[in-house]
C-alpha atoms as a PDB file:
ATOM      1  CA  UNK A   1      27.628 -28.403 -33.079  1.00  0.00           C
ATOM      2  CA  UNK A   2      31.186 -27.443 -31.658  1.00  0.00           C
ATOM      3  CA  UNK A   3      30.489 -24.026 -31.331  1.00  0.00           C
ATOM      4  CA  UNK A   4      27.195 -24.073 -29.549  1.00  0.00           C
ATOM      5  CA  UNK A   5      28.519 -26.738 -27.215  1.00  0.00           C
ATOM      6  CA  UNK A   6      30.937 -24.190 -25.892  1.00  0.00           C
ATOM      7  CA  UNK A   7      28.661 -21.436 -26.203  1.00  0.00           C
ATOM      8  CA  UNK A   8      26.605 -23.269 -23.714  1.00  0.00           C
ATOM      9  CA  UNK A   9      29.486 -24.128 -21.589  1.00  0.00           C
ATOM     10  CA  UNK A  10      30.654 -20.269 -21.060  1.00  0.00           C
ATOM     11  CA  UNK A  11      26.862 -19.591 -20.221  1.00  0.00           C
ATOM     12  CA  UNK A  12      26.608 -22.320 -17.882  1.00  0.00           C
ATOM     13  CA  UNK A  13      29.725 -21.207 -16.281  1.00  0.00           C
ATOM     14  CA  UNK A  14      28.094 -17.599 -15.751  1.00  0.00           C
ATOM     15  CA  UNK A  15      25.152 -18.766 -14.283  1.00  0.00           C
ATOM     16  CA  UNK A  16      27.085 -21.557 -11.830  1.00  0.00           C
ATOM     17  CA  UNK A  17      29.154 -18.136 -10.149  1.00  0.00           C
ATOM     18  CA  UNK A  18      25.840 -15.938 -10.577  1.00  0.00           C
ATOM     19  CA  UNK A  19      23.847 -19.055  -8.305  1.00  0.00           C
ATOM     20  CA  UNK A  20      26.734 -20.182  -6.166  1.00  0.00           C
ATOM     21  CA  UNK A  21      26.856 -15.854  -5.744  1.00  0.00           C
ATOM     22  CA  UNK A  22      23.187 -15.811  -4.602  1.00  0.00           C
ATOM     23  CA  UNK A  23      23.406 -18.545  -2.219  1.00  0.00           C
ATOM     24  CA  UNK A  24      26.498 -17.666  -0.736  1.00  0.00           C
ATOM     25  CA  UNK A  25      25.258 -14.091   0.226  1.00  0.00           C
ATOM     26  CA  UNK A  26      21.612 -15.899   1.015  1.00  0.00           C
ATOM     27  CA  UNK A  27      23.733 -17.252   4.052  1.00  0.00           C
ATOM     28  CA  UNK A  28      24.242 -13.872   5.619  1.00  0.00           C
ATOM     29  CA  UNK A  29      20.283 -12.547   5.015  1.00  0.00           C
ATOM     30  CA  UNK A  30      19.149 -14.700   8.144  1.00  0.00           C
ATOM     31  CA  UNK A  31      21.808 -12.819  10.237  1.00  0.00           C
ATOM     32  CA  UNK A  32      25.098 -13.745  11.905  1.00  0.00           C
ATOM     33  CA  UNK A  33      25.888 -16.978  10.813  1.00  0.00           C
ATOM     34  CA  UNK A  34      28.147 -17.790  14.034  1.00  0.00           C
ATOM     35  CA  UNK A  35      25.563 -16.806  16.131  1.00  0.00           C
ATOM     36  CA  UNK A  36      22.558 -19.115  14.231  1.00  0.00           C
ATOM     37  CA  UNK A  37      25.154 -22.208  13.999  1.00  0.00           C
ATOM     38  CA  UNK A  38      26.023 -21.927  17.835  1.00  0.00           C
ATOM     39  CA  UNK A  39      21.844 -21.115  18.832  1.00  0.00           C
ATOM     40  CA  UNK A  40      20.947 -18.420  21.105  1.00  0.00           C
ATOM     41  CA  UNK A  41      22.917 -20.141  24.832  1.00  0.00           C
ATOM     42  CA  UNK A  42      26.556 -19.277  23.068  1.00  0.00           C
ATOM     43  CA  UNK A  43      28.611 -17.210  24.634  1.00  0.00           C
ATOM     44  CA  UNK A  44      30.308 -13.780  22.862  1.00  0.00           C
ATOM     45  CA  UNK A  45      33.698 -15.386  22.951  1.00  0.00           C
ATOM     46  CA  UNK A  46      32.206 -18.432  21.464  1.00  0.00           C
ATOM     47  CA  UNK A  47      30.376 -16.557  18.472  1.00  0.00           C
ATOM     48  CA  UNK A  48      33.850 -14.226  18.183  1.00  0.00           C
ATOM     49  CA  UNK A  49      35.971 -17.305  17.794  1.00  0.00           C
ATOM     50  CA  UNK A  50      33.564 -19.181  15.603  1.00  0.00           C
ATOM     51  CA  UNK A  51      33.439 -16.285  13.601  1.00  0.00           C
ATOM     52  CA  UNK A  52      36.908 -16.191  13.047  1.00  0.00           C
ATOM     53  CA  UNK A  53      37.501 -19.723  12.274  1.00  0.00           C
ATOM     54  CA  UNK A  54      34.898 -19.768   9.572  1.00  0.00           C
ATOM     55  CA  UNK A  55      36.210 -16.161   8.115  1.00  0.00           C
ATOM     56  CA  UNK A  56      33.019 -14.265   8.863  1.00  0.00           C
ATOM     57  CA  UNK A  57      34.713 -11.694  10.336  1.00  0.00           C
ATOM     58  CA  UNK A  58      36.371 -11.176   6.893  1.00  0.00           C
ATOM     59  CA  UNK A  59      34.324  -8.847   3.858  1.00  0.00           C
ATOM     60  CA  UNK A  60      31.496 -10.505   1.990  1.00  0.00           C
ATOM     61  CA  UNK A  61      33.481 -10.255  -1.165  1.00  0.00           C
ATOM     62  CA  UNK A  62      36.488 -11.580   0.102  1.00  0.00           C
ATOM     63  CA  UNK A  63      35.095 -14.432   1.765  1.00  0.00           C
ATOM     64  CA  UNK A  64      33.350 -15.277  -1.920  1.00  0.00           C
ATOM     65  CA  UNK A  65      36.196 -15.019  -3.645  1.00  0.00           C
ATOM     66  CA  UNK A  66      38.343 -17.277  -1.235  1.00  0.00           C
ATOM     67  CA  UNK A  67      34.599 -19.729  -1.331  1.00  0.00           C
ATOM     68  CA  UNK A  68      34.904 -19.981  -4.873  1.00  0.00           C
ATOM     69  CA  UNK A  69      38.557 -20.077  -5.429  1.00  0.00           C
ATOM     70  CA  UNK A  70      38.302 -23.118  -3.137  1.00  0.00           C
ATOM     71  CA  UNK A  71      35.324 -24.602  -4.617  1.00  0.00           C
ATOM     72  CA  UNK A  72      37.077 -24.721  -8.388  1.00  0.00           C
ATOM     73  CA  UNK A  73      39.911 -26.735  -6.866  1.00  0.00           C
ATOM     74  CA  UNK A  74      37.071 -29.319  -5.270  1.00  0.00           C
ATOM     75  CA  UNK A  75      37.414 -27.895  -1.652  1.00  0.00           C
ATOM     76  CA  UNK A  76      34.200 -27.142  -0.396  1.00  0.00           C
ATOM     77  CA  UNK A  77      35.221 -27.586   3.126  1.00  0.00           C
ATOM     78  CA  UNK A  78      34.255 -29.446   5.806  1.00  0.00           C
ATOM     79  CA  UNK A  79      30.735 -30.270   7.310  1.00  0.00           C
ATOM     80  CA  UNK A  80      30.077 -28.255  10.708  1.00  0.00           C
ATOM     81  CA  UNK A  81      27.590 -31.078  11.677  1.00  0.00           C
ATOM     82  CA  UNK A  82      28.626 -34.414   9.954  1.00  0.00           C
ATOM     83  CA  UNK A  83      32.514 -33.505  10.469  1.00  0.00           C
ATOM     84  CA  UNK A  84      33.157 -34.612   7.297  1.00  0.00           C
ATOM     85  CA  UNK A  85      34.397 -33.370   3.833  1.00  0.00           C
ATOM     86  CA  UNK A  86      31.049 -31.431   2.174  1.00  0.00           C
ATOM     87  CA  UNK A  87      32.087 -32.875  -1.394  1.00  0.00           C
ATOM     88  CA  UNK A  88      31.937 -36.533   0.015  1.00  0.00           C
ATOM     89  CA  UNK A  89      28.997 -35.983   1.511  1.00  0.00           C
ATOM     90  CA  UNK A  90      27.244 -34.691  -1.520  1.00  0.00           C
ATOM     91  CA  UNK A  91      29.280 -37.443  -3.545  1.00  0.00           C
ATOM     92  CA  UNK A  92      27.968 -40.324  -1.291  1.00  0.00           C
ATOM     93  CA  UNK A  93      24.032 -38.811  -1.630  1.00  0.00           C
ATOM     94  CA  UNK A  94      24.088 -37.509  -5.433  1.00  0.00           C
ATOM     95  CA  UNK A  95      23.493 -41.518  -6.957  1.00  0.00           C
ATOM     96  CA  UNK A  96      20.557 -41.635  -4.867  1.00  0.00           C
ATOM     97  CA  UNK A  97      18.671 -38.463  -6.295  1.00  0.00           C
ATOM     98  CA  UNK A  98      19.522 -39.045  -9.590  1.00  0.00           C
ATOM     99  CA  UNK A  99      18.300 -42.680  -9.470  1.00  0.00           C
ATOM    100  CA  UNK A 100      15.397 -41.673  -8.456  1.00  0.00           C
ATOM    101  CA  UNK A 101      14.532 -38.500 -10.797  1.00  0.00           C
ATOM    102  CA  UNK A 102      15.585 -40.590 -13.732  1.00  0.00           C
ATOM    103  CA  UNK A 103      13.356 -43.732 -12.982  1.00  0.00           C
ATOM    104  CA  UNK A 104      10.448 -41.121 -12.251  1.00  0.00           C
ATOM    105  CA  UNK A 105      11.427 -39.280 -15.826  1.00  0.00           C
ATOM    106  CA  UNK A 106      11.502 -42.595 -17.586  1.00  0.00           C
ATOM    107  CA  UNK A 107       8.165 -43.705 -15.680  1.00  0.00           C
ATOM    108  CA  UNK A 108       6.641 -39.811 -17.043  1.00  0.00           C
ATOM    109  CA  UNK A 109       8.027 -40.524 -20.143  1.00  0.00           C
ATOM    110  CA  UNK A 110       6.942 -43.974 -21.121  1.00  0.00           C
ATOM    111  CA  UNK A 111       3.046 -43.359 -20.230  1.00  0.00           C
ATOM    112  CA  UNK A 112       2.909 -39.843 -20.860  1.00  0.00           C
ATOM    113  CA  UNK A 113       3.670 -39.978 -24.777  1.00  0.00           C
ATOM    114  CA  UNK A 114       1.447 -42.959 -25.522  1.00  0.00           C
ATOM    115  CA  UNK A 115      -1.270 -41.706 -23.472  1.00  0.00           C
ATOM    116  CA  UNK A 116      -1.041 -38.047 -25.163  1.00  0.00           C
ATOM    117  CA  UNK A 117      -0.799 -39.994 -28.792  1.00  0.00           C
ATOM    118  CA  UNK A 118      -3.891 -42.059 -27.658  1.00  0.00           C
ATOM    119  CA  UNK A 119      -5.889 -39.192 -26.575  1.00  0.00           C
ATOM    120  CA  UNK A 120      -5.004 -36.793 -29.965  1.00  0.00           C
ATOM    121  CA  UNK A 121      -5.628 -39.459 -32.223  1.00  0.00           C
ATOM    122  CA  UNK A 122      -9.069 -40.196 -30.145  1.00  0.00           C
ATOM    123  CA  UNK A 123     -10.131 -36.063 -29.740  1.00  0.00           C
ATOM    124  CA  UNK A 124     -13.246 -35.560 -28.451  1.00  0.00           C
ATOM    125  CA  UNK A 125     -13.764 -39.302 -27.642  1.00  0.00           C
ATOM    126  CA  UNK A 126     -14.233 -41.073 -24.230  1.00  0.00           C
ATOM    127  CA  UNK A 127     -10.871 -41.813 -24.309  1.00  0.00           C
ATOM    128  CA  UNK A 128      -9.815 -38.132 -25.049  1.00  0.00           C
ATOM    129  CA  UNK A 129     -11.757 -37.077 -21.740  1.00  0.00           C
ATOM    130  CA  UNK A 130     -10.693 -39.923 -19.499  1.00  0.00           C
ATOM    131  CA  UNK A 131      -6.945 -39.069 -20.277  1.00  0.00           C
ATOM    132  CA  UNK A 132      -7.066 -35.091 -19.360  1.00  0.00           C
ATOM    133  CA  UNK A 133      -9.245 -35.574 -16.604  1.00  0.00           C
ATOM    134  CA  UNK A 134      -6.214 -38.074 -14.970  1.00  0.00           C
ATOM    135  CA  UNK A 135      -3.986 -35.449 -16.576  1.00  0.00           C
ATOM    136  CA  UNK A 136      -5.683 -32.433 -14.274  1.00  0.00           C
ATOM    137  CA  UNK A 137      -6.137 -34.920 -11.230  1.00  0.00           C
ATOM    138  CA  UNK A 138      -2.318 -35.525 -11.461  1.00  0.00           C
ATOM    139  CA  UNK A 139      -1.220 -31.962 -11.822  1.00  0.00           C
ATOM    140  CA  UNK A 140      -3.512 -30.736  -8.988  1.00  0.00           C
ATOM    141  CA  UNK A 141      -2.426 -33.154  -6.785  1.00  0.00           C
ATOM    142  CA  UNK A 142       0.601 -31.880  -3.961  1.00  0.00           C
ATOM    143  CA  UNK A 143       3.399 -34.820  -4.009  1.00  0.00           C
ATOM    144  CA  UNK A 144       3.686 -35.138  -0.351  1.00  0.00           C
ATOM    145  CA  UNK A 145       0.001 -35.209  -0.039  1.00  0.00           C
ATOM    146  CA  UNK A 146       0.032 -38.224  -2.621  1.00  0.00           C
ATOM    147  CA  UNK A 147       3.350 -39.298  -0.948  1.00  0.00           C
ATOM    148  CA  UNK A 148       1.720 -39.829   2.889  1.00  0.00           C
ATOM    149  CA  UNK A 149      -1.289 -41.293   0.794  1.00  0.00           C
ATOM    150  CA  UNK A 150       0.616 -44.271  -0.934  1.00  0.00           C
ATOM    151  CA  UNK A 151       2.483 -44.871   1.865  1.00  0.00           C
ATOM    152  CA  UNK A 152      -0.615 -45.068   4.336  1.00  0.00           C
ATOM    153  CA  UNK A 153      -2.173 -47.431   1.938  1.00  0.00           C
ATOM    154  CA  UNK A 154       0.363 -49.582  -0.075  1.00  0.00           C
ATOM    155  CA  UNK A 155       2.959 -49.912   3.086  1.00  0.00           C
ATOM    156  CA  UNK A 156       0.995 -49.746   6.084  1.00  0.00           C
ATOM    157  CA  UNK A 157      -1.887 -50.926   5.474  1.00  0.00           C
ATOM    158  CA  UNK A 158      -1.273 -53.668   2.757  1.00  0.00           C
ATOM    159  CA  UNK A 159       2.420 -54.177   3.517  1.00  0.00           C
ATOM    160  CA  UNK A 160       3.009 -54.531  -0.341  1.00  0.00           C
ATOM    161  CA  UNK A 161       5.966 -51.878  -0.267  1.00  0.00           C
ATOM    162  CA  UNK A 162       8.565 -50.186   2.381  1.00  0.00           C
ATOM    163  CA  UNK A 163       7.673 -46.964   3.737  1.00  0.00           C
ATOM    164  CA  UNK A 164      10.902 -45.607   3.783  1.00  0.00           C
ATOM    165  CA  UNK A 165      14.695 -45.919   3.156  1.00  0.00           C
ATOM    166  CA  UNK A 166      16.659 -46.860   0.247  1.00  0.00           C
ATOM    167  CA  UNK A 167      17.045 -50.581  -0.563  1.00  0.00           C
ATOM    168  CA  UNK A 168      15.730 -53.037  -3.647  1.00  0.00           C
ATOM    169  CA  UNK A 169      13.612 -52.502  -6.055  1.00  0.00           C
ATOM    170  CA  UNK A 170      10.501 -52.344  -3.453  1.00  0.00           C
ATOM    171  CA  UNK A 171      11.909 -49.038  -1.736  1.00  0.00           C
ATOM    172  CA  UNK A 172      11.699 -47.551  -5.270  1.00  0.00           C
ATOM    173  CA  UNK A 173       7.792 -47.702  -6.312  1.00  0.00           C
ATOM    174  CA  UNK A 174       6.353 -45.463  -4.111  1.00  0.00           C
ATOM    175  CA  UNK A 175       8.735 -42.756  -3.962  1.00  0.00           C
ATOM    176  CA  UNK A 176       9.145 -42.978  -7.715  1.00  0.00           C
ATOM    177  CA  UNK A 177       5.217 -43.094  -8.539  1.00  0.00           C
ATOM    178  CA  UNK A 178       5.035 -39.610  -6.144  1.00  0.00           C
ATOM    179  CA  UNK A 179       8.050 -37.614  -8.367  1.00  0.00           C
ATOM    180  CA  UNK A 180       6.494 -38.966 -11.867  1.00  0.00           C
ATOM    181  CA  UNK A 181       2.823 -37.952 -11.246  1.00  0.00           C
ATOM    182  CA  UNK A 182       3.615 -34.498 -11.892  1.00  0.00           C
ATOM    183  CA  UNK A 183       5.049 -34.596 -14.819  1.00  0.00           C
ATOM    184  CA  UNK A 184       3.556 -37.697 -16.434  1.00  0.00           C
ATOM    185  CA  UNK A 185       0.112 -35.654 -16.359  1.00  0.00           C
ATOM    186  CA  UNK A 186       1.940 -32.170 -17.496  1.00  0.00           C
ATOM    187  CA  UNK A 187       3.700 -33.973 -20.576  1.00  0.00           C
ATOM    188  CA  UNK A 188       0.819 -36.394 -21.607  1.00  0.00           C
ATOM    189  CA  UNK A 189      -1.325 -33.095 -22.082  1.00  0.00           C
ATOM    190  CA  UNK A 190       1.695 -31.768 -23.869  1.00  0.00           C
ATOM    191  CA  UNK A 191       2.370 -34.489 -25.986  1.00  0.00           C
ATOM    192  CA  UNK A 192      -1.364 -34.274 -27.008  1.00  0.00           C
ATOM    193  CA  UNK A 193      -1.466 -30.691 -27.741  1.00  0.00           C
ATOM    194  CA  UNK A 194       1.884 -30.798 -29.719  1.00  0.00           C
ATOM    195  CA  UNK A 195       0.311 -34.071 -31.626  1.00  0.00           C
ATOM    196  CA  UNK A 196      -2.799 -32.488 -32.754  1.00  0.00           C
ATOM    197  CA  UNK A 197      -0.859 -29.516 -34.159  1.00  0.00           C
ATOM    198  CA  UNK A 198       1.329 -31.808 -36.074  1.00  0.00           C
ATOM    199  CA  UNK A 199      -1.304 -34.174 -37.538  1.00  0.00           C
ATOM    200  CA  UNK A 200      -3.484 -30.818 -39.624  1.00  0.00           C
ATOM    201  CA  UNK A 201       0.484 -30.512 -40.912  1.00  0.00           C
ATOM    202  CA  UNK A 202      -0.047 -31.316 -45.261  1.00  0.00           C
ATOM    203  CA  UNK A 203       3.251 -33.655 -44.856  1.00  0.00           C
ATOM    204  CA  UNK A 204       1.262 -35.960 -42.179  1.00  0.00           C
ATOM    205  CA  UNK A 205      -2.166 -35.548 -44.816  1.00  0.00           C
ATOM    206  CA  UNK A 206       0.607 -36.439 -47.782  1.00  0.00           C
ATOM    207  CA  UNK A 207       2.170 -39.100 -45.896  1.00  0.00           C
ATOM    208  CA  UNK A 208      -1.488 -40.602 -45.405  1.00  0.00           C
ATOM    209  CA  UNK A 209      -2.306 -39.892 -49.083  1.00  0.00           C
ATOM    210  CA  UNK A 210       0.483 -42.527 -50.117  1.00  0.00           C
ATOM    211  CA  UNK A 211      -0.657 -45.105 -48.127  1.00  0.00           C
ATOM    212  CA  UNK A 212       1.487 -45.585 -45.317  1.00  0.00           C
ATOM    213  CA  UNK A 213       0.028 -46.827 -42.411  1.00  0.00           C
ATOM    214  CA  UNK A 214      -1.604 -45.217 -39.364  1.00  0.00           C
ATOM    215  CA  UNK A 215       1.166 -46.422 -37.318  1.00  0.00           C
ATOM    216  CA  UNK A 216       4.340 -45.464 -39.370  1.00  0.00           C
ATOM    217  CA  UNK A 217       2.528 -41.811 -40.238  1.00  0.00           C
ATOM    218  CA  UNK A 218       1.844 -41.323 -36.452  1.00  0.00           C
ATOM    219  CA  UNK A 219       5.722 -42.452 -35.139  1.00  0.00           C
ATOM    220  CA  UNK A 220       7.903 -42.009 -38.091  1.00  0.00           C
ATOM    221  CA  UNK A 221       6.387 -38.695 -39.204  1.00  0.00           C
ATOM    222  CA  UNK A 222       3.989 -36.723 -36.694  1.00  0.00           C
ATOM    223  CA  UNK A 223       5.564 -38.023 -33.290  1.00  0.00           C
ATOM    224  CA  UNK A 224       9.357 -36.746 -34.197  1.00  0.00           C
ATOM    225  CA  UNK A 225       8.266 -33.520 -35.608  1.00  0.00           C
ATOM    226  CA  UNK A 226       5.932 -32.827 -32.234  1.00  0.00           C
ATOM    227  CA  UNK A 227       8.485 -33.919 -29.762  1.00  0.00           C
ATOM    228  CA  UNK A 228      10.556 -30.999 -29.653  1.00  0.00           C
ATOM    229  CA  UNK A 229       8.251 -28.501 -27.269  1.00  0.00           C
ATOM    230  CA  UNK A 230       7.957 -31.939 -25.354  1.00  0.00           C
ATOM    231  CA  UNK A 231      11.838 -31.960 -25.156  1.00  0.00           C
ATOM    232  CA  UNK A 232      11.467 -28.761 -23.739  1.00  0.00           C
ATOM    233  CA  UNK A 233       9.469 -29.113 -20.998  1.00  0.00           C
ATOM    234  CA  UNK A 234      11.323 -32.379 -19.843  1.00  0.00           C
ATOM    235  CA  UNK A 235      14.596 -30.090 -20.001  1.00  0.00           C
ATOM    236  CA  UNK A 236      12.679 -27.817 -17.405  1.00  0.00           C
ATOM    237  CA  UNK A 237      11.255 -30.695 -15.245  1.00  0.00           C
ATOM    238  CA  UNK A 238      14.432 -31.482 -14.682  1.00  0.00           C
ATOM    239  CA  UNK A 239      15.081 -28.430 -12.783  1.00  0.00           C
ATOM    240  CA  UNK A 240      11.376 -30.065 -10.855  1.00  0.00           C
ATOM    241  CA  UNK A 241      12.310 -33.268 -11.004  1.00  0.00           C
ATOM    242  CA  UNK A 242      15.878 -32.276  -8.389  1.00  0.00           C
ATOM    243  CA  UNK A 243      13.731 -29.609  -6.594  1.00  0.00           C
ATOM    244  CA  UNK A 244      10.802 -31.982  -6.128  1.00  0.00           C
ATOM    245  CA  UNK A 245      13.126 -34.749  -4.824  1.00  0.00           C
ATOM    246  CA  UNK A 246      13.672 -32.458  -1.719  1.00  0.00           C
ATOM    247  CA  UNK A 247      10.349 -32.815  -0.529  1.00  0.00           C
ATOM    248  CA  UNK A 248       9.864 -36.522  -1.777  1.00  0.00           C
ATOM    249  CA  UNK A 249      13.114 -37.473  -0.327  1.00  0.00           C
ATOM    250  CA  UNK A 250      11.622 -35.920   3.090  1.00  0.00           C
ATOM    251  CA  UNK A 251       8.566 -37.690   3.356  1.00  0.00           C
ATOM    252  CA  UNK A 252      10.408 -41.390   2.340  1.00  0.00           C
ATOM    253  CA  UNK A 253      13.169 -40.785   4.080  1.00  0.00           C
ATOM    254  CA  UNK A 254      15.229 -41.281   0.949  1.00  0.00           C
ATOM    255  CA  UNK A 255      19.137 -40.890   1.461  1.00  0.00           C
ATOM    256  CA  UNK A 256      19.544 -38.896  -1.659  1.00  0.00           C
ATOM    257  CA  UNK A 257      20.903 -34.995  -2.097  1.00  0.00           C
ATOM    258  CA  UNK A 258      17.504 -33.139  -1.420  1.00  0.00           C
ATOM    259  CA  UNK A 259      17.171 -35.084   2.201  1.00  0.00           C
ATOM    260  CA  UNK A 260      20.971 -33.778   2.796  1.00  0.00           C
ATOM    261  CA  UNK A 261      20.010 -30.117   2.077  1.00  0.00           C
ATOM    262  CA  UNK A 262      16.899 -30.134   4.501  1.00  0.00           C
ATOM    263  CA  UNK A 263      19.205 -31.460   7.084  1.00  0.00           C
ATOM    264  CA  UNK A 264      21.567 -28.848   6.128  1.00  0.00           C
ATOM    265  CA  UNK A 265      19.745 -26.175   6.761  1.00  0.00           C
ATOM    266  CA  UNK A 266      17.654 -27.381  10.074  1.00  0.00           C
ATOM    267  CA  UNK A 267      21.202 -27.804  11.383  1.00  0.00           C
ATOM    268  CA  UNK A 268      22.094 -24.295  10.211  1.00  0.00           C
ATOM    269  CA  UNK A 269      25.224 -26.160   8.245  1.00  0.00           C
ATOM    270  CA  UNK A 270      25.930 -23.151   6.059  1.00  0.00           C
ATOM    271  CA  UNK A 271      29.193 -24.914   4.011  1.00  0.00           C
ATOM    272  CA  UNK A 272      26.789 -27.620   3.254  1.00  0.00           C
ATOM    273  CA  UNK A 273      24.122 -25.843   2.327  1.00  0.00           C
ATOM    274  CA  UNK A 274      26.207 -24.225  -0.499  1.00  0.00           C
ATOM    275  CA  UNK A 275      27.880 -27.655  -1.540  1.00  0.00           C
ATOM    276  CA  UNK A 276      24.438 -29.102  -2.043  1.00  0.00           C
ATOM    277  CA  UNK A 277      22.619 -26.202  -3.645  1.00  0.00           C
ATOM    278  CA  UNK A 278      25.991 -25.912  -6.113  1.00  0.00           C
ATOM    279  CA  UNK A 279      25.729 -29.638  -7.197  1.00  0.00           C
ATOM    280  CA  UNK A 280      22.377 -29.562  -7.682  1.00  0.00           C
ATOM    281  CA  UNK A 281      22.869 -26.410 -10.246  1.00  0.00           C
ATOM    282  CA  UNK A 282      25.172 -28.490 -12.096  1.00  0.00           C
ATOM    283  CA  UNK A 283      23.418 -30.953 -12.346  1.00  0.00           C
ATOM    284  CA  UNK A 284      20.477 -28.716 -13.996  1.00  0.00           C
ATOM    285  CA  UNK A 285      23.148 -27.163 -16.272  1.00  0.00           C
ATOM    286  CA  UNK A 286      24.048 -30.289 -17.488  1.00  0.00           C
ATOM    287  CA  UNK A 287      20.906 -32.000 -18.154  1.00  0.00           C
ATOM    288  CA  UNK A 288      19.687 -28.405 -20.151  1.00  0.00           C
ATOM    289  CA  UNK A 289      23.188 -29.206 -22.306  1.00  0.00           C
ATOM    290  CA  UNK A 290      21.692 -32.550 -23.186  1.00  0.00           C
ATOM    291  CA  UNK A 291      18.608 -31.027 -24.176  1.00  0.00           C
ATOM    292  CA  UNK A 292      20.175 -28.828 -26.615  1.00  0.00           C
ATOM    293  CA  UNK A 293      22.231 -31.708 -28.282  1.00  0.00           C
ATOM    294  CA  UNK A 294      19.169 -33.169 -28.706  1.00  0.00           C
ATOM    295  CA  UNK A 295      17.047 -30.730 -30.486  1.00  0.00           C
ATOM    296  CA  UNK A 296      19.591 -31.390 -33.300  1.00  0.00           C
ATOM    297  CA  UNK A 297      19.692 -35.020 -33.368  1.00  0.00           C
ATOM    298  CA  UNK A 298      15.755 -35.076 -33.346  1.00  0.00           C
ATOM    299  CA  UNK A 299      15.058 -32.254 -35.939  1.00  0.00           C
ATOM    300  CA  UNK A 300      17.804 -31.299 -37.803  1.00  0.00           C
ATOM    301  CA  UNK A 301      16.234 -27.790 -38.868  1.00  0.00           C
ATOM    302  CA  UNK A 302      17.005 -26.429 -35.799  1.00  0.00           C
ATOM    303  CA  UNK A 303      19.419 -23.472 -35.883  1.00  0.00           C
ATOM    304  CA  UNK A 304      20.750 -21.477 -33.439  1.00  0.00           C
END
């Protein structure tokens, strides 16, 4: 186990270096960062002064090495727009994004697993057809459109929930449902598929032949062995949660890291964009490490 974790940590460091490298150099693909930051009305003297202040006049590899060296020490620079340390801005917004993503994930799994089990047990019945139609609709619905519709119905017309902002539990309902809809549908179909495969295995038939109750057969023997593919998908979905939160946070004016990244892009605050993307990558790598560990917990037969 220790060797696996160490291997994943080394791979994570390599991935982080690769991501920061791409994000850093993507800054320069749109043109001169100094000119973009100051706008069209800036004089050449102002552009040259900002370029020298930000170090844009140095070779790109030298700039990246300097950025990476400062990042390792926890120094991500200062936001050009907010005039605060980029690290402080990200750490202020990160809990809101994690809160929203965690609740959406819990909602998706808490509904998808029983829905997938019911669909598998009642295969080719009306219950199976109904669950899969709902799953298909959930996967086909864009989250930005769903969020707007939820706002119009439940916030504007019915006044049941707030339309935007972060506050109490009421503020979490609409954005959580919006963010959870797609993974809920996908996970329900995945659970159904894996359960159907497992229910046909010999050990499940043996468990039933021994006289075990159907509930015990489903949850102790079948579900546990069917969860590995689901865990893999959930680990990949965390990236979708973090990426999807950019849209959902923008629709609901949720003060999270995704909305901060959008604001930074709009105002051309490139140092803040680099910091936000770096931390999103760190969160994703941490979740993938947890998924690898869960493989061993759920199925000891797994070996790398």
